[in-house]
C-alpha atoms as a PDB file:
ATOM      1  CA  MET A   1       0.818  34.724 -17.995  1.00  0.00           C
ATOM      2  CA  GLU A   2      -1.721  33.066 -15.797  1.00  0.00           C
ATOM      3  CA  ALA A   3      -0.895  32.119 -12.206  1.00  0.00           C
ATOM      4  CA  LYS A   4      -1.649  28.528 -11.293  1.00  0.00           C
ATOM      5  CA  ALA A   5      -4.312  28.185  -8.638  1.00  0.00           C
ATOM      6  CA  SER A   6      -3.091  26.329  -5.575  1.00  0.00           C
ATOM      7  CA  VAL A   7      -5.445  23.776  -4.101  1.00  0.00           C
ATOM      8  CA  ASP A   8      -5.561  23.504  -0.328  1.00  0.00           C
ATOM      9  CA  VAL A   9      -6.534  19.927   0.439  1.00  0.00           C
ATOM     10  CA  GLY A  10      -6.672  20.580   4.153  1.00  0.00           C
ATOM     11  CA  VAL A  11      -6.969  18.082   6.975  1.00  0.00           C
ATOM     12  CA  ALA A  12      -9.446  15.827   5.168  1.00  0.00           C
ATOM     13  CA  GLY A  13      -7.097  15.352   2.217  1.00  0.00           C
ATOM     14  CA  SER A  14      -4.142  14.648   4.471  1.00  0.00           C
ATOM     15  CA  LEU A  15      -6.075  12.072   6.480  1.00  0.00           C
ATOM     16  CA  THR A  16      -7.311  10.453   3.278  1.00  0.00           C
ATOM     17  CA  MET A  17      -3.754  10.112   1.973  1.00  0.00           C
ATOM     18  CA  ILE A  18      -2.582   8.627   5.284  1.00  0.00           C
ATOM     19  CA  VAL A  19      -5.418   6.079   5.277  1.00  0.00           C
ATOM     20  CA  LEU A  20      -4.804   5.119   1.642  1.00  0.00           C
ATOM     21  CA  THR A  21      -1.065   4.736   2.232  1.00  0.00           C
ATOM     22  CA  LEU A  22      -1.649   2.532   5.278  1.00  0.00           C
ATOM     23  CA  ALA A  23      -4.204   0.421   3.393  1.00  0.00           C
ATOM     24  CA  VAL A  24      -1.821  -0.178   0.483  1.00  0.00           C
ATOM     25  CA  THR A  25       1.027  -0.997   2.883  1.00  0.00           C
ATOM     26  CA  LEU A  26      -1.119  -3.521   4.764  1.00  0.00           C
ATOM     27  CA  LEU A  27      -2.215  -5.152   1.505  1.00  0.00           C
ATOM     28  CA  LEU A  28       1.367  -5.435   0.259  1.00  0.00           C
ATOM     29  CA  VAL A  29       2.512  -7.000   3.546  1.00  0.00           C
ATOM     30  CA  SER A  30      -0.418  -9.410   3.498  1.00  0.00           C
ATOM     31  CA  PHE A  31       0.258 -10.530  -0.071  1.00  0.00           C
ATOM     32  CA  TYR A  32       3.981 -10.859   0.645  1.00  0.00           C
ATOM     33  CA  ARG A  33       3.311 -13.120   3.649  1.00  0.00           C
ATOM     34  CA  ARG A  34       0.926 -15.246   1.589  1.00  0.00           C
ATOM     35  CA  TYR A  35       3.509 -15.498  -1.206  1.00  0.00           C
ATOM     36  CA  LYS A  36       6.255 -16.540   1.246  1.00  0.00           C
ATOM     37  CA  ARG A  37       4.003 -19.228   2.750  1.00  0.00           C
ATOM     38  CA  MET A  38       3.228 -20.536  -0.730  1.00  0.00           C
ATOM     39  CA  GLN A  39       6.945 -20.633  -1.604  1.00  0.00           C
ATOM     40  CA  ASP A  40       7.805 -22.427   1.656  1.00  0.00           C
ATOM     41  CA  ARG A  41       5.147 -25.078   0.956  1.00  0.00           C
ATOM     42  CA  LYS A  42       6.456 -25.508  -2.567  1.00  0.00           C
ATOM     43  CA  ASP A  43      10.040 -25.940  -1.262  1.00  0.00           C
ATOM     44  CA  GLN A  44       8.943 -28.534   1.315  1.00  0.00           C
ATOM     45  CA  SER A  45       7.020 -30.558  -1.259  1.00  0.00           C
ATOM     46  CA  ASN A  46      10.101 -30.684  -3.537  1.00  0.00           C
ATOM     47  CA  GLN A  47      12.316 -32.187  -0.836  1.00  0.00           C
END
């Protein structure tokens, strides 16, 4: 049976994952705010 090789991503891999996670979080927040503004405008125009 062959042992699986472990990959050490190191500091660079950890920093990359942190940056990617933050970027995705910021994008989701940005799109959510835009969506809420669009919904609020739609609600005001229906009144």
